[in-house]
Amino acid sequence: MKRLATGLAILCALASVTTLRAQNDERTYYYQMICGSDKDLSHKPGARPIGEKLRSQLESPFRWKHFADVSRGEFVLPSDHGRALIKLPENRELRVHRTGTQIEAQLYRNGQLVRTTRGAASSRSLIMGGDQGQDGCWFVVLRSDKPATITAAAQSK
């Protein structure tokens, strides 16, 4: 009987630790707002080259020759029901929330919902995008790995 009581006490303690750990399972995510165009984007205010890994993801499915990172940063989401609000250039706002194992990102422009994307909170990246007329496009990339430094991106060209 004493063994059973001890075993139950250990199981309860492990369950508490697991629950506490799940509640404190904060994750750091990184975001980048990327512009794509056939025109040179180096003159765009705040434009920086993107890393090779991201460039290879974007070049093959999209026709644009030039990509530039115009905004980047990081944010932390608590585990369940965590939310973040990120201000982006050109009156854009990114709202990200996590529910359990899912993450949802909603992009707003001038207060209007433009795009929504969902994926596993454990995925390496989520990408959403759209056109900017015939001259270009934009992408918002959410990722779990830190983007390459500006120096590394410039040296890889």
N, C-alpha and C. Protein backbone atom coordinates (compact mmCIF):
# COMPACT_ATOMS: atom_id res chain seq x y z
N MET A 1 0.82 -1.18 0.00
CA MET A 1 0.00 0.00 0.00
C MET A 1 0.87 1.26 0.00
N LYS A 2 1.99 1.17 0.79
CA LYS A 2 2.88 2.31 0.88
C LYS A 2 3.55 2.57 -0.48
N ARG A 3 3.88 1.47 -1.18
CA ARG A 3 4.48 1.61 -2.52
C ARG A 3 3.50 2.26 -3.48
N LEU A 4 2.25 1.88 -3.41
CA LEU A 4 1.23 2.46 -4.28
C LEU A 4 1.08 3.95 -4.01
N ALA A 5 1.03 4.33 -2.75
CA ALA A 5 0.91 5.74 -2.39
C ALA A 5 2.13 6.53 -2.86
N THR A 6 3.33 5.95 -2.70
CA THR A 6 4.56 6.60 -3.15
C THR A 6 4.55 6.75 -4.67
N GLY A 7 4.14 5.69 -5.35
CA GLY A 7 4.06 5.72 -6.82
C GLY A 7 3.10 6.78 -7.31
N LEU A 8 1.94 6.88 -6.67
CA LEU A 8 0.95 7.89 -7.06
C LEU A 8 1.48 9.30 -6.79
N ALA A 9 2.18 9.47 -5.68
CA ALA A 9 2.76 10.78 -5.36
C ALA A 9 3.79 11.19 -6.41
N ILE A 10 4.61 10.23 -6.85
CA ILE A 10 5.61 10.51 -7.88
C ILE A 10 4.93 10.86 -9.20
N LEU A 11 3.89 10.10 -9.58
CA LEU A 11 3.16 10.39 -10.81
C LEU A 11 2.52 11.77 -10.77
N CYS A 12 1.94 12.14 -9.64
CA CYS A 12 1.33 13.46 -9.50
C CYS A 12 2.38 14.56 -9.62
N ALA A 13 3.54 14.33 -9.01
CA ALA A 13 4.61 15.32 -9.08
C ALA A 13 5.10 15.48 -10.52
N LEU A 14 5.27 14.35 -11.23
CA LEU A 14 5.69 14.41 -12.63
C LEU A 14 4.65 15.11 -13.50
N ALA A 15 3.38 14.84 -13.26
CA ALA A 15 2.31 15.49 -14.01
C ALA A 15 2.33 16.99 -13.77
N SER A 16 2.57 17.41 -12.53
CA SER A 16 2.64 18.84 -12.21
C SER A 16 3.80 19.50 -12.93
N VAL A 17 4.96 18.85 -12.92
CA VAL A 17 6.14 19.40 -13.58
C VAL A 17 5.90 19.50 -15.08
N THR A 18 5.30 18.46 -15.67
CA THR A 18 5.01 18.47 -17.10
C THR A 18 4.03 19.59 -17.44
N THR A 19 2.99 19.76 -16.64
CA THR A 19 2.01 20.82 -16.87
C THR A 19 2.67 22.18 -16.73
N LEU A 20 3.48 22.36 -15.70
CA LEU A 20 4.17 23.62 -15.49
C LEU A 20 5.12 23.91 -16.64
N ARG A 21 5.82 22.90 -17.11
CA ARG A 21 6.75 23.07 -18.23
C ARG A 21 6.00 23.45 -19.49
N ALA A 22 4.84 22.81 -19.74
CA ALA A 22 4.05 23.13 -20.91
C ALA A 22 3.55 24.56 -20.85
N GLN A 23 3.19 25.02 -19.64
CA GLN A 23 2.71 26.38 -19.49
C GLN A 23 3.83 27.39 -19.70
N ASN A 24 5.05 27.01 -19.40
CA ASN A 24 6.19 27.91 -19.55
C ASN A 24 6.97 27.64 -20.83
N ASP A 25 6.37 26.94 -21.77
CA ASP A 25 7.04 26.59 -23.02
C ASP A 25 7.02 27.78 -23.98
N GLU A 26 7.73 28.82 -23.61
CA GLU A 26 7.83 29.98 -24.48
C GLU A 26 8.74 29.65 -25.65
N ARG A 27 8.40 30.18 -26.79
CA ARG A 27 9.23 29.96 -27.98
C ARG A 27 9.54 31.30 -28.61
N THR A 28 10.77 31.43 -29.06
CA THR A 28 11.18 32.63 -29.76
C THR A 28 11.01 32.38 -31.26
N TYR A 29 10.37 33.32 -31.90
CA TYR A 29 10.19 33.29 -33.35
C TYR A 29 10.82 34.55 -33.93
N TYR A 30 11.20 34.47 -35.19
CA TYR A 30 11.78 35.59 -35.91
C TYR A 30 10.88 35.90 -37.10
N TYR A 31 10.77 37.16 -37.42
CA TYR A 31 9.98 37.54 -38.58
C TYR A 31 10.82 38.38 -39.53
N GLN A 32 10.49 38.29 -40.80
CA GLN A 32 11.13 39.12 -41.82
C GLN A 32 10.06 39.53 -42.81
N MET A 33 10.08 40.78 -43.22
CA MET A 33 9.25 41.22 -44.31
C MET A 33 10.17 41.37 -45.51
N ILE A 34 9.87 40.66 -46.56
CA ILE A 34 10.72 40.57 -47.74
C ILE A 34 9.98 41.16 -48.94
N CYS A 35 10.69 41.94 -49.75
CA CYS A 35 10.14 42.40 -51.02
C CYS A 35 10.86 41.65 -52.13
N GLY A 36 10.13 41.33 -53.18
CA GLY A 36 10.70 40.68 -54.35
C GLY A 36 10.38 41.50 -55.58
N SER A 37 11.33 41.56 -56.53
CA SER A 37 11.11 42.35 -57.75
C SER A 37 12.15 41.95 -58.79
N ASP A 38 11.88 42.32 -60.03
CA ASP A 38 12.89 42.20 -61.08
C ASP A 38 13.80 43.41 -61.08
N LYS A 39 13.38 44.46 -60.37
CA LYS A 39 14.18 45.68 -60.26
C LYS A 39 15.12 45.56 -59.06
N ASP A 40 16.22 46.30 -59.11
CA ASP A 40 17.16 46.34 -57.99
C ASP A 40 16.47 46.97 -56.79
N LEU A 41 16.51 46.31 -55.65
CA LEU A 41 15.84 46.78 -54.44
C LEU A 41 16.79 47.42 -53.43
N SER A 42 18.05 47.54 -53.77
CA SER A 42 19.03 48.05 -52.81
C SER A 42 18.75 49.50 -52.42
N HIS A 43 18.04 50.25 -53.25
CA HIS A 43 17.72 51.65 -52.95
C HIS A 43 16.53 51.79 -52.00
N LYS A 44 15.78 50.72 -51.81
CA LYS A 44 14.59 50.76 -50.95
C LYS A 44 15.03 51.06 -49.52
N PRO A 45 14.35 51.98 -48.82
CA PRO A 45 14.75 52.33 -47.45
C PRO A 45 14.81 51.10 -46.52
N GLY A 46 15.94 50.93 -45.86
CA GLY A 46 16.13 49.84 -44.91
C GLY A 46 16.37 48.48 -45.54
N ALA A 47 16.51 48.42 -46.86
CA ALA A 47 16.67 47.13 -47.56
C ALA A 47 18.02 46.50 -47.24
N ARG A 48 17.97 45.20 -46.96
CA ARG A 48 19.17 44.40 -46.69
C ARG A 48 19.06 43.12 -47.49
N PRO A 49 20.19 42.54 -47.87
CA PRO A 49 20.13 41.26 -48.59
C PRO A 49 19.56 40.17 -47.67
N ILE A 50 18.93 39.17 -48.26
CA ILE A 50 18.42 38.06 -47.47
C ILE A 50 19.45 36.94 -47.48
N GLY A 51 19.35 36.02 -46.52
CA GLY A 51 20.27 34.90 -46.43
C GLY A 51 20.08 33.89 -47.55
N GLU A 52 21.10 33.10 -47.78
CA GLU A 52 21.06 32.10 -48.85
C GLU A 52 19.95 31.07 -48.67
N LYS A 53 19.74 30.65 -47.44
CA LYS A 53 18.72 29.63 -47.19
C LYS A 53 17.34 30.14 -47.60
N LEU A 54 17.00 31.35 -47.20
CA LEU A 54 15.71 31.92 -47.56
C LEU A 54 15.65 32.23 -49.05
N ARG A 55 16.75 32.72 -49.60
CA ARG A 55 16.79 33.01 -51.04
C ARG A 55 16.48 31.74 -51.84
N SER A 56 17.06 30.62 -51.45
CA SER A 56 16.82 29.38 -52.20
C SER A 56 15.36 28.93 -52.08
N GLN A 57 14.72 29.21 -50.95
CA GLN A 57 13.30 28.87 -50.79
C GLN A 57 12.41 29.73 -51.68
N LEU A 58 12.80 30.97 -51.89
CA LEU A 58 11.95 31.90 -52.64
C LEU A 58 12.25 31.91 -54.14
N GLU A 59 13.50 31.70 -54.53
CA GLU A 59 13.88 31.81 -55.94
C GLU A 59 13.25 30.74 -56.82
N SER A 60 13.21 29.52 -56.35
CA SER A 60 12.71 28.46 -57.23
C SER A 60 11.22 28.56 -57.55
N PRO A 61 10.34 28.81 -56.58
CA PRO A 61 8.92 28.86 -56.96
C PRO A 61 8.46 30.21 -57.49
N PHE A 62 9.25 31.27 -57.31
CA PHE A 62 8.82 32.60 -57.73
C PHE A 62 9.76 33.16 -58.78
N ARG A 63 9.26 34.01 -59.62
CA ARG A 63 10.01 34.48 -60.78
C ARG A 63 10.91 35.67 -60.52
N TRP A 64 10.87 36.26 -59.34
CA TRP A 64 11.58 37.50 -59.08
C TRP A 64 13.08 37.28 -59.01
N LYS A 65 13.83 38.26 -59.50
CA LYS A 65 15.30 38.17 -59.53
C LYS A 65 15.95 38.73 -58.27
N HIS A 66 15.29 39.71 -57.64
CA HIS A 66 15.88 40.38 -56.49
C HIS A 66 14.94 40.28 -55.28
N PHE A 67 15.55 40.04 -54.13
CA PHE A 67 14.81 39.98 -52.87
C PHE A 67 15.54 40.84 -51.85
N ALA A 68 14.77 41.56 -51.03
CA ALA A 68 15.37 42.40 -50.00
C ALA A 68 14.57 42.29 -48.71
N ASP A 69 15.28 42.22 -47.62
CA ASP A 69 14.69 42.21 -46.29
C ASP A 69 14.48 43.67 -45.89
N VAL A 70 13.22 44.08 -45.69
CA VAL A 70 12.94 45.47 -45.34
C VAL A 70 12.56 45.66 -43.88
N SER A 71 12.30 44.56 -43.18
CA SER A 71 11.99 44.64 -41.76
C SER A 71 12.23 43.27 -41.15
N ARG A 72 12.80 43.26 -39.96
CA ARG A 72 13.02 41.99 -39.27
C ARG A 72 13.01 42.21 -37.78
N GLY A 73 12.78 41.13 -37.05
CA GLY A 73 12.80 41.20 -35.60
C GLY A 73 12.50 39.85 -34.99
N GLU A 74 12.31 39.85 -33.70
CA GLU A 74 11.98 38.61 -33.01
C GLU A 74 10.91 38.89 -31.97
N PHE A 75 10.22 37.83 -31.59
CA PHE A 75 9.19 37.93 -30.55
C PHE A 75 9.08 36.58 -29.87
N VAL A 76 8.54 36.61 -28.66
CA VAL A 76 8.37 35.39 -27.87
C VAL A 76 6.89 35.14 -27.69
N LEU A 77 6.49 33.89 -27.93
CA LEU A 77 5.11 33.48 -27.69
C LEU A 77 5.07 32.51 -26.54
N PRO A 78 4.24 32.78 -25.54
CA PRO A 78 4.02 31.78 -24.49
C PRO A 78 3.37 30.55 -25.13
N SER A 79 3.31 29.45 -24.43
CA SER A 79 2.81 28.21 -25.01
C SER A 79 1.38 28.33 -25.50
N ASP A 80 0.43 28.04 -24.67
CA ASP A 80 -0.95 27.98 -25.13
C ASP A 80 -1.60 29.35 -25.08
N HIS A 81 -2.25 29.71 -26.12
CA HIS A 81 -2.98 30.98 -26.25
C HIS A 81 -2.06 32.19 -26.19
N GLY A 82 -0.79 32.00 -26.55
CA GLY A 82 0.13 33.11 -26.61
C GLY A 82 -0.16 33.99 -27.82
N ARG A 83 0.01 35.29 -27.66
CA ARG A 83 -0.28 36.24 -28.74
C ARG A 83 0.85 37.25 -28.87
N ALA A 84 1.04 37.72 -30.10
CA ALA A 84 2.02 38.78 -30.36
C ALA A 84 1.45 39.70 -31.43
N LEU A 85 1.79 40.97 -31.31
CA LEU A 85 1.38 41.97 -32.28
C LEU A 85 2.64 42.66 -32.78
N ILE A 86 2.88 42.63 -34.09
CA ILE A 86 4.10 43.15 -34.67
C ILE A 86 3.74 44.21 -35.70
N LYS A 87 4.31 45.38 -35.54
CA LYS A 87 4.11 46.47 -36.50
C LYS A 87 5.13 46.31 -37.62
N LEU A 88 4.64 46.36 -38.85
CA LEU A 88 5.48 46.24 -40.03
C LEU A 88 5.38 47.52 -40.86
N PRO A 89 6.30 47.72 -41.81
CA PRO A 89 6.23 48.90 -42.67
C PRO A 89 4.96 48.94 -43.52
N GLU A 90 4.69 50.09 -44.08
CA GLU A 90 3.58 50.30 -45.02
C GLU A 90 2.23 49.97 -44.39
N ASN A 91 2.02 50.45 -43.16
CA ASN A 91 0.75 50.28 -42.44
C ASN A 91 0.32 48.82 -42.31
N ARG A 92 1.29 47.92 -42.17
CA ARG A 92 0.99 46.51 -41.98
C ARG A 92 1.18 46.14 -40.52
N GLU A 93 0.44 45.13 -40.12
CA GLU A 93 0.48 44.64 -38.75
C GLU A 93 0.33 43.13 -38.79
N LEU A 94 1.18 42.44 -38.07
CA LEU A 94 1.13 40.98 -38.02
C LEU A 94 0.65 40.56 -36.64
N ARG A 95 -0.40 39.77 -36.62
CA ARG A 95 -0.92 39.23 -35.36
C ARG A 95 -0.68 37.73 -35.38
N VAL A 96 0.05 37.27 -34.38
CA VAL A 96 0.41 35.85 -34.30
C VAL A 96 -0.12 35.29 -33.00
N HIS A 97 -0.74 34.13 -33.08
CA HIS A 97 -1.13 33.47 -31.84
C HIS A 97 -0.94 31.97 -31.96
N ARG A 98 -0.68 31.40 -30.81
CA ARG A 98 -0.39 29.97 -30.71
C ARG A 98 -1.41 29.32 -29.81
N THR A 99 -1.97 28.24 -30.29
CA THR A 99 -2.91 27.46 -29.50
C THR A 99 -2.42 26.02 -29.53
N GLY A 100 -1.89 25.56 -28.43
CA GLY A 100 -1.37 24.19 -28.37
C GLY A 100 -0.24 24.00 -29.35
N THR A 101 -0.44 23.11 -30.31
CA THR A 101 0.61 22.80 -31.28
C THR A 101 0.46 23.57 -32.58
N GLN A 102 -0.51 24.47 -32.66
CA GLN A 102 -0.76 25.25 -33.87
C GLN A 102 -0.37 26.71 -33.69
N ILE A 103 0.08 27.31 -34.77
CA ILE A 103 0.38 28.74 -34.78
C ILE A 103 -0.40 29.34 -35.95
N GLU A 104 -0.96 30.51 -35.73
CA GLU A 104 -1.71 31.20 -36.77
C GLU A 104 -1.17 32.62 -36.88
N ALA A 105 -0.96 33.06 -38.11
CA ALA A 105 -0.48 34.42 -38.37
C ALA A 105 -1.50 35.11 -39.26
N GLN A 106 -1.88 36.31 -38.88
CA GLN A 106 -2.81 37.12 -39.66
C GLN A 106 -2.12 38.43 -39.99
N LEU A 107 -2.14 38.78 -41.26
CA LEU A 107 -1.53 40.02 -41.71
C LEU A 107 -2.64 41.02 -42.03
N TYR A 108 -2.51 42.20 -41.45
CA TYR A 108 -3.47 43.29 -41.67
C TYR A 108 -2.74 44.43 -42.37
N ARG A 109 -3.46 45.11 -43.25
CA ARG A 109 -2.96 46.35 -43.86
C ARG A 109 -4.06 47.38 -43.75
N ASN A 110 -3.71 48.52 -43.16
CA ASN A 110 -4.68 49.59 -42.92
C ASN A 110 -5.90 49.06 -42.16
N GLY A 111 -5.67 48.15 -41.21
CA GLY A 111 -6.75 47.62 -40.38
C GLY A 111 -7.58 46.52 -41.02
N GLN A 112 -7.31 46.19 -42.28
CA GLN A 112 -8.06 45.16 -42.99
C GLN A 112 -7.25 43.86 -43.07
N LEU A 113 -7.90 42.74 -42.79
CA LEU A 113 -7.23 41.44 -42.89
C LEU A 113 -6.87 41.16 -44.34
N VAL A 114 -5.60 40.86 -44.59
CA VAL A 114 -5.11 40.60 -45.94
C VAL A 114 -4.86 39.11 -46.15
N ARG A 115 -4.19 38.45 -45.21
CA ARG A 115 -3.83 37.04 -45.32
C ARG A 115 -3.86 36.39 -43.95
N THR A 116 -4.14 35.09 -43.97
CA THR A 116 -4.05 34.26 -42.78
C THR A 116 -3.32 32.98 -43.18
N THR A 117 -2.42 32.54 -42.33
CA THR A 117 -1.76 31.26 -42.56
C THR A 117 -1.66 30.53 -41.23
N ARG A 118 -1.72 29.21 -41.31
CA ARG A 118 -1.63 28.37 -40.11
C ARG A 118 -0.63 27.25 -40.36
N GLY A 119 -0.06 26.78 -39.26
CA GLY A 119 0.87 25.66 -39.36
C GLY A 119 1.20 25.14 -37.98
N ALA A 120 2.04 24.14 -37.97
CA ALA A 120 2.47 23.56 -36.70
C ALA A 120 3.42 24.53 -36.01
N ALA A 121 3.25 24.70 -34.72
CA ALA A 121 4.11 25.60 -33.95
C ALA A 121 5.55 25.13 -34.00
N SER A 122 5.78 23.86 -34.26
CA SER A 122 7.13 23.32 -34.32
C SER A 122 7.75 23.42 -35.72
N SER A 123 7.01 23.89 -36.72
CA SER A 123 7.56 23.96 -38.08
C SER A 123 8.67 25.01 -38.13
N ARG A 124 9.56 24.83 -39.08
CA ARG A 124 10.71 25.74 -39.20
C ARG A 124 10.30 27.12 -39.68
N SER A 125 9.29 27.18 -40.57
CA SER A 125 8.89 28.49 -41.06
C SER A 125 7.46 28.47 -41.61
N LEU A 126 6.87 29.63 -41.61
CA LEU A 126 5.59 29.88 -42.26
C LEU A 126 5.82 31.09 -43.15
N ILE A 127 5.33 31.01 -44.38
CA ILE A 127 5.52 32.10 -45.32
C ILE A 127 4.17 32.48 -45.91
N MET A 128 3.89 33.78 -45.92
CA MET A 128 2.71 34.28 -46.61
C MET A 128 3.16 35.41 -47.52
N GLY A 129 2.42 35.63 -48.59
CA GLY A 129 2.84 36.66 -49.51
C GLY A 129 1.73 37.14 -50.40
N GLY A 130 2.07 38.10 -51.23
CA GLY A 130 1.11 38.66 -52.17
C GLY A 130 1.79 39.57 -53.17
N ASP A 131 1.02 40.04 -54.14
CA ASP A 131 1.54 40.92 -55.19
C ASP A 131 1.56 42.37 -54.74
N GLN A 132 2.46 43.12 -55.35
CA GLN A 132 2.50 44.57 -55.23
C GLN A 132 2.43 45.12 -56.65
N GLY A 133 1.37 44.83 -57.34
CA GLY A 133 1.26 45.22 -58.75
C GLY A 133 2.10 44.30 -59.60
N GLN A 134 2.43 44.76 -60.79
CA GLN A 134 3.22 43.92 -61.69
C GLN A 134 4.72 44.04 -61.44
N ASP A 135 5.10 45.02 -60.61
CA ASP A 135 6.53 45.26 -60.39
C ASP A 135 7.13 44.49 -59.23
N GLY A 136 6.31 43.82 -58.43
CA GLY A 136 6.92 43.15 -57.30
C GLY A 136 5.94 42.38 -56.44
N CYS A 137 6.48 41.87 -55.36
CA CYS A 137 5.68 41.08 -54.42
C CYS A 137 6.23 41.32 -53.02
N TRP A 138 5.54 40.81 -52.03
CA TRP A 138 5.99 40.88 -50.65
C TRP A 138 5.80 39.52 -50.01
N PHE A 139 6.59 39.25 -49.01
CA PHE A 139 6.48 38.04 -48.21
C PHE A 139 6.67 38.41 -46.75
N VAL A 140 5.95 37.73 -45.89
CA VAL A 140 6.24 37.79 -44.46
C VAL A 140 6.62 36.38 -44.07
N VAL A 141 7.79 36.25 -43.49
CA VAL A 141 8.34 34.95 -43.12
C VAL A 141 8.41 34.89 -41.60
N LEU A 142 7.79 33.87 -41.03
CA LEU A 142 7.93 33.56 -39.60
C LEU A 142 8.81 32.34 -39.53
N ARG A 143 9.80 32.37 -38.68
CA ARG A 143 10.73 31.24 -38.61
C ARG A 143 11.20 31.00 -37.20
N SER A 144 11.61 29.77 -36.96
CA SER A 144 12.10 29.42 -35.62
C SER A 144 13.61 29.57 -35.52
N ASP A 145 14.31 29.60 -36.66
CA ASP A 145 15.76 29.79 -36.62
C ASP A 145 16.09 31.25 -36.92
N LYS A 146 17.15 31.73 -36.31
CA LYS A 146 17.53 33.13 -36.45
C LYS A 146 18.03 33.37 -37.88
N PRO A 147 17.54 34.44 -38.53
CA PRO A 147 17.99 34.73 -39.89
C PRO A 147 19.50 35.00 -39.93
N ALA A 148 20.08 34.75 -41.10
CA ALA A 148 21.51 35.02 -41.28
C ALA A 148 21.78 36.49 -41.04
N THR A 149 22.96 36.77 -40.55
CA THR A 149 23.32 38.18 -40.29
C THR A 149 23.43 38.91 -41.63
N ILE A 150 23.36 40.19 -41.57
CA ILE A 150 23.48 41.01 -42.78
C ILE A 150 24.83 40.75 -43.44
N THR A 151 25.88 40.66 -42.64
CA THR A 151 27.22 40.43 -43.17
C THR A 151 27.29 39.09 -43.88
N ALA A 152 26.74 38.04 -43.26
CA ALA A 152 26.78 36.72 -43.88
C ALA A 152 26.00 36.71 -45.18
N ALA A 153 24.86 37.39 -45.21
CA ALA A 153 24.04 37.43 -46.43
C ALA A 153 24.79 38.18 -47.53
N ALA A 154 25.45 39.27 -47.18
CA ALA A 154 26.18 40.05 -48.18
C ALA A 154 27.39 39.27 -48.71
N GLN A 155 28.06 38.52 -47.85
CA GLN A 155 29.24 37.76 -48.27
C GLN A 155 28.87 36.57 -49.15
N SER A 156 27.65 36.06 -49.03
CA SER A 156 27.27 34.89 -49.78
C SER A 156 26.88 35.22 -51.22
N LYS A 157 26.82 36.49 -51.58
CA LYS A 157 26.46 36.90 -52.95
C LYS A 157 27.60 36.69 -53.89
